[in-house]
Amino acid sequence: MTQLKPGDKAPPFAAPDQTGRTVRLADYAGGKLFVYFYPKANTSG
């Protein structure tokens, strides 16, 4: 797996949001996006 460095463009991806709906990076094309994620282990999520 390639590690990204600060400033690198994100690769295309899809992931479930907090409601289970699948969202894709491409859904936000042309805008700015802040992606925050954390491991489920040791959290209430």
PDB file of N, CA and C in Angstrom:
ATOM      1  N   MET A   1       0.831  -1.164   0.000  1.00  0.00           N
ATOM      2  CA  MET A   1       0.000   0.000   0.000  1.00  0.00           C
ATOM      3  C   MET A   1       0.888   1.244   0.000  1.00  0.00           C
ATOM      4  N   THR A   2       0.587   2.193  -0.854  1.00  0.00           N
ATOM      5  CA  THR A   2       1.341   3.424  -0.939  1.00  0.00           C
ATOM      6  C   THR A   2       0.926   4.382   0.172  1.00  0.00           C
ATOM      7  N   GLN A   3       1.887   4.978   0.829  1.00  0.00           N
ATOM      8  CA  GLN A   3       1.580   5.976   1.854  1.00  0.00           C
ATOM      9  C   GLN A   3       1.529   7.351   1.216  1.00  0.00           C
ATOM     10  N   LEU A   4       0.526   8.119   1.591  1.00  0.00           N
ATOM     11  CA  LEU A   4       0.414   9.480   1.100  1.00  0.00           C
ATOM     12  C   LEU A   4       1.217  10.417   1.994  1.00  0.00           C
ATOM     13  N   LYS A   5       1.726  11.466   1.388  1.00  0.00           N
ATOM     14  CA  LYS A   5       2.442  12.501   2.133  1.00  0.00           C
ATOM     15  C   LYS A   5       1.565  13.753   2.140  1.00  0.00           C
ATOM     16  N   PRO A   6       1.759  14.639   3.085  1.00  0.00           N
ATOM     17  CA  PRO A   6       0.991  15.884   3.082  1.00  0.00           C
ATOM     18  C   PRO A   6       1.082  16.570   1.719  1.00  0.00           C
ATOM     19  N   GLY A   7      -0.058  16.960   1.205  1.00  0.00           N
ATOM     20  CA  GLY A   7      -0.106  17.629  -0.098  1.00  0.00           C
ATOM     21  C   GLY A   7      -0.380  16.701  -1.260  1.00  0.00           C
ATOM     22  N   ASP A   8      -0.251  15.373  -1.063  1.00  0.00           N
ATOM     23  CA  ASP A   8      -0.557  14.423  -2.133  1.00  0.00           C
ATOM     24  C   ASP A   8      -2.058  14.426  -2.415  1.00  0.00           C
ATOM     25  N   LYS A   9      -2.411  14.176  -3.653  1.00  0.00           N
ATOM     26  CA  LYS A   9      -3.824  14.022  -4.002  1.00  0.00           C
ATOM     27  C   LYS A   9      -4.292  12.647  -3.530  1.00  0.00           C
ATOM     28  N   ALA A  10      -5.513  12.605  -3.049  1.00  0.00           N
ATOM     29  CA  ALA A  10      -6.081  11.343  -2.587  1.00  0.00           C
ATOM     30  C   ALA A  10      -6.413  10.443  -3.779  1.00  0.00           C
ATOM     31  N   PRO A  11      -6.190   9.151  -3.654  1.00  0.00           N
ATOM     32  CA  PRO A  11      -6.590   8.233  -4.721  1.00  0.00           C
ATOM     33  C   PRO A  11      -8.112   8.060  -4.686  1.00  0.00           C
ATOM     34  N   PRO A  12      -8.720   7.634  -5.785  1.00  0.00           N
ATOM     35  CA  PRO A  12     -10.165   7.401  -5.777  1.00  0.00           C
ATOM     36  C   PRO A  12     -10.528   6.385  -4.688  1.00  0.00           C
ATOM     37  N   PHE A  13     -11.600   6.656  -3.974  1.00  0.00           N
ATOM     38  CA  PHE A  13     -12.040   5.705  -2.954  1.00  0.00           C
ATOM     39  C   PHE A  13     -13.533   5.825  -2.724  1.00  0.00           C
ATOM     40  N   ALA A  14     -14.096   4.807  -2.111  1.00  0.00           N
ATOM     41  CA  ALA A  14     -15.489   4.807  -1.676  1.00  0.00           C
ATOM     42  C   ALA A  14     -15.500   4.256  -0.259  1.00  0.00           C
ATOM     43  N   ALA A  15     -16.378   4.822   0.571  1.00  0.00           N
ATOM     44  CA  ALA A  15     -16.461   4.389   1.964  1.00  0.00           C
ATOM     45  C   ALA A  15     -17.862   4.688   2.496  1.00  0.00           C
ATOM     46  N   PRO A  16     -18.308   3.920   3.491  1.00  0.00           N
ATOM     47  CA  PRO A  16     -19.621   4.209   4.071  1.00  0.00           C
ATOM     48  C   PRO A  16     -19.533   5.416   5.008  1.00  0.00           C
ATOM     49  N   ASP A  17     -20.594   6.246   4.990  1.00  0.00           N
ATOM     50  CA  ASP A  17     -20.643   7.348   5.946  1.00  0.00           C
ATOM     51  C   ASP A  17     -21.296   6.856   7.234  1.00  0.00           C
ATOM     52  N   GLN A  18     -21.573   7.769   8.159  1.00  0.00           N
ATOM     53  CA  GLN A  18     -22.100   7.376   9.458  1.00  0.00           C
ATOM     54  C   GLN A  18     -23.484   6.746   9.378  1.00  0.00           C
ATOM     55  N   THR A  19     -24.185   6.911   8.248  1.00  0.00           N
ATOM     56  CA  THR A  19     -25.509   6.302   8.093  1.00  0.00           C
ATOM     57  C   THR A  19     -25.458   5.019   7.273  1.00  0.00           C
ATOM     58  N   GLY A  20     -24.261   4.674   6.783  1.00  0.00           N
ATOM     59  CA  GLY A  20     -24.119   3.468   5.975  1.00  0.00           C
ATOM     60  C   GLY A  20     -24.194   3.727   4.480  1.00  0.00           C
ATOM     61  N   ARG A  21     -24.478   4.965   4.084  1.00  0.00           N
ATOM     62  CA  ARG A  21     -24.545   5.314   2.668  1.00  0.00           C
ATOM     63  C   ARG A  21     -23.131   5.376   2.099  1.00  0.00           C
ATOM     64  N   THR A  22     -22.925   4.808   0.920  1.00  0.00           N
ATOM     65  CA  THR A  22     -21.610   4.833   0.289  1.00  0.00           C
ATOM     66  C   THR A  22     -21.371   6.187  -0.353  1.00  0.00           C
ATOM     67  N   VAL A  23     -20.274   6.801  -0.006  1.00  0.00           N
ATOM     68  CA  VAL A  23     -19.867   8.067  -0.625  1.00  0.00           C
ATOM     69  C   VAL A  23     -18.528   7.831  -1.311  1.00  0.00           C
ATOM     70  N   ARG A  24     -18.316   8.576  -2.384  1.00  0.00           N
ATOM     71  CA  ARG A  24     -17.100   8.435  -3.172  1.00  0.00           C
ATOM     72  C   ARG A  24     -16.389   9.778  -3.262  1.00  0.00           C
ATOM     73  N   LEU A  25     -15.102   9.735  -3.365  1.00  0.00           N
ATOM     74  CA  LEU A  25     -14.334  10.959  -3.529  1.00  0.00           C
ATOM     75  C   LEU A  25     -14.854  11.735  -4.734  1.00  0.00           C
ATOM     76  N   ALA A  26     -15.191  11.036  -5.793  1.00  0.00           N
ATOM     77  CA  ALA A  26     -15.673  11.691  -7.014  1.00  0.00           C
ATOM     78  C   ALA A  26     -16.973  12.472  -6.780  1.00  0.00           C
ATOM     79  N   ASP A  27     -17.730  12.135  -5.738  1.00  0.00           N
ATOM     80  CA  ASP A  27     -18.965  12.865  -5.430  1.00  0.00           C
ATOM     81  C   ASP A  27     -18.684  14.324  -5.090  1.00  0.00           C
ATOM     82  N   TYR A  28     -17.455  14.635  -4.731  1.00  0.00           N
ATOM     83  CA  TYR A  28     -17.089  15.977  -4.292  1.00  0.00           C
ATOM     84  C   TYR A  28     -16.115  16.649  -5.254  1.00  0.00           C
ATOM     85  N   ALA A  29     -16.074  16.173  -6.485  1.00  0.00           N
ATOM     86  CA  ALA A  29     -15.163  16.733  -7.487  1.00  0.00           C
ATOM     87  C   ALA A  29     -15.409  18.224  -7.659  1.00  0.00           C
ATOM     88  N   GLY A  30     -14.328  18.988  -7.743  1.00  0.00           N
ATOM     89  CA  GLY A  30     -14.424  20.418  -7.962  1.00  0.00           C
ATOM     90  C   GLY A  30     -14.521  21.236  -6.690  1.00  0.00           C
ATOM     91  N   GLY A  31     -14.616  20.574  -5.551  1.00  0.00           N
ATOM     92  CA  GLY A  31     -14.703  21.290  -4.283  1.00  0.00           C
ATOM     93  C   GLY A  31     -13.608  20.844  -3.339  1.00  0.00           C
ATOM     94  N   LYS A  32     -13.587  21.464  -2.187  1.00  0.00           N
ATOM     95  CA  LYS A  32     -12.628  21.063  -1.165  1.00  0.00           C
ATOM     96  C   LYS A  32     -13.311  20.077  -0.237  1.00  0.00           C
ATOM     97  N   LEU A  33     -12.552  19.123   0.247  1.00  0.00           N
ATOM     98  CA  LEU A  33     -13.112  18.072   1.089  1.00  0.00           C
ATOM     99  C   LEU A  33     -12.131  17.752   2.201  1.00  0.00           C
ATOM    100  N   PHE A  34     -12.644  17.668   3.393  1.00  0.00           N
ATOM    101  CA  PHE A  34     -11.853  17.259   4.543  1.00  0.00           C
ATOM    102  C   PHE A  34     -12.332  15.870   4.931  1.00  0.00           C
ATOM    103  N   VAL A  35     -11.443  14.903   4.919  1.00  0.00           N
ATOM    104  CA  VAL A  35     -11.796  13.524   5.256  1.00  0.00           C
ATOM    105  C   VAL A  35     -11.209  13.203   6.619  1.00  0.00           C
ATOM    106  N   TYR A  36     -12.067  12.797   7.526  1.00  0.00           N
ATOM    107  CA  TYR A  36     -11.630  12.431   8.875  1.00  0.00           C
ATOM    108  C   TYR A  36     -12.082  11.003   9.123  1.00  0.00           C
ATOM    109  N   PHE A  37     -11.156  10.160   9.483  1.00  0.00           N
ATOM    110  CA  PHE A  37     -11.519   8.788   9.795  1.00  0.00           C
ATOM    111  C   PHE A  37     -10.654   8.303  10.934  1.00  0.00           C
ATOM    112  N   TYR A  38     -11.131   7.288  11.586  1.00  0.00           N
ATOM    113  CA  TYR A  38     -10.397   6.719  12.708  1.00  0.00           C
ATOM    114  C   TYR A  38     -10.729   5.240  12.786  1.00  0.00           C
ATOM    115  N   PRO A  39      -9.849   4.456  13.364  1.00  0.00           N
ATOM    116  CA  PRO A  39     -10.125   3.028  13.492  1.00  0.00           C
ATOM    117  C   PRO A  39     -11.268   2.781  14.463  1.00  0.00           C
ATOM    118  N   LYS A  40     -12.074   1.805  14.155  1.00  0.00           N
ATOM    119  CA  LYS A  40     -13.202   1.482  15.019  1.00  0.00           C
ATOM    120  C   LYS A  40     -12.759   0.873  16.342  1.00  0.00           C
ATOM    121  N   ALA A  41     -11.622   0.245  16.375  1.00  0.00           N
ATOM    122  CA  ALA A  41     -11.133  -0.372  17.600  1.00  0.00           C
ATOM    123  C   ALA A  41     -10.954   0.677  18.682  1.00  0.00           C
ATOM    124  N   ASN A  42     -11.357   0.331  19.886  1.00  0.00           N
ATOM    125  CA  ASN A  42     -11.203   1.194  21.045  1.00  0.00           C
ATOM    126  C   ASN A  42     -11.983   2.494  20.971  1.00  0.00           C
ATOM    127  N   THR A  43     -13.068   2.514  20.176  1.00  0.00           N
ATOM    128  CA  THR A  43     -13.934   3.687  20.119  1.00  0.00           C
ATOM    129  C   THR A  43     -15.372   3.222  20.298  1.00  0.00           C
ATOM    130  N   SER A  44     -16.242   4.162  20.517  1.00  0.00           N
ATOM    131  CA  SER A  44     -17.658   3.804  20.632  1.00  0.00           C
ATOM    132  C   SER A  44     -18.319   3.691  19.282  1.00  0.00           C
ATOM    133  N   GLY A  45     -17.587   4.057  18.190  1.00  0.00           N
ATOM    134  CA  GLY A  45     -18.157   4.054  16.848  1.00  0.00           C
ATOM    135  C   GLY A  45     -18.266   2.683  16.340  1.00  0.00           C
TER     136      GLY A  45
END
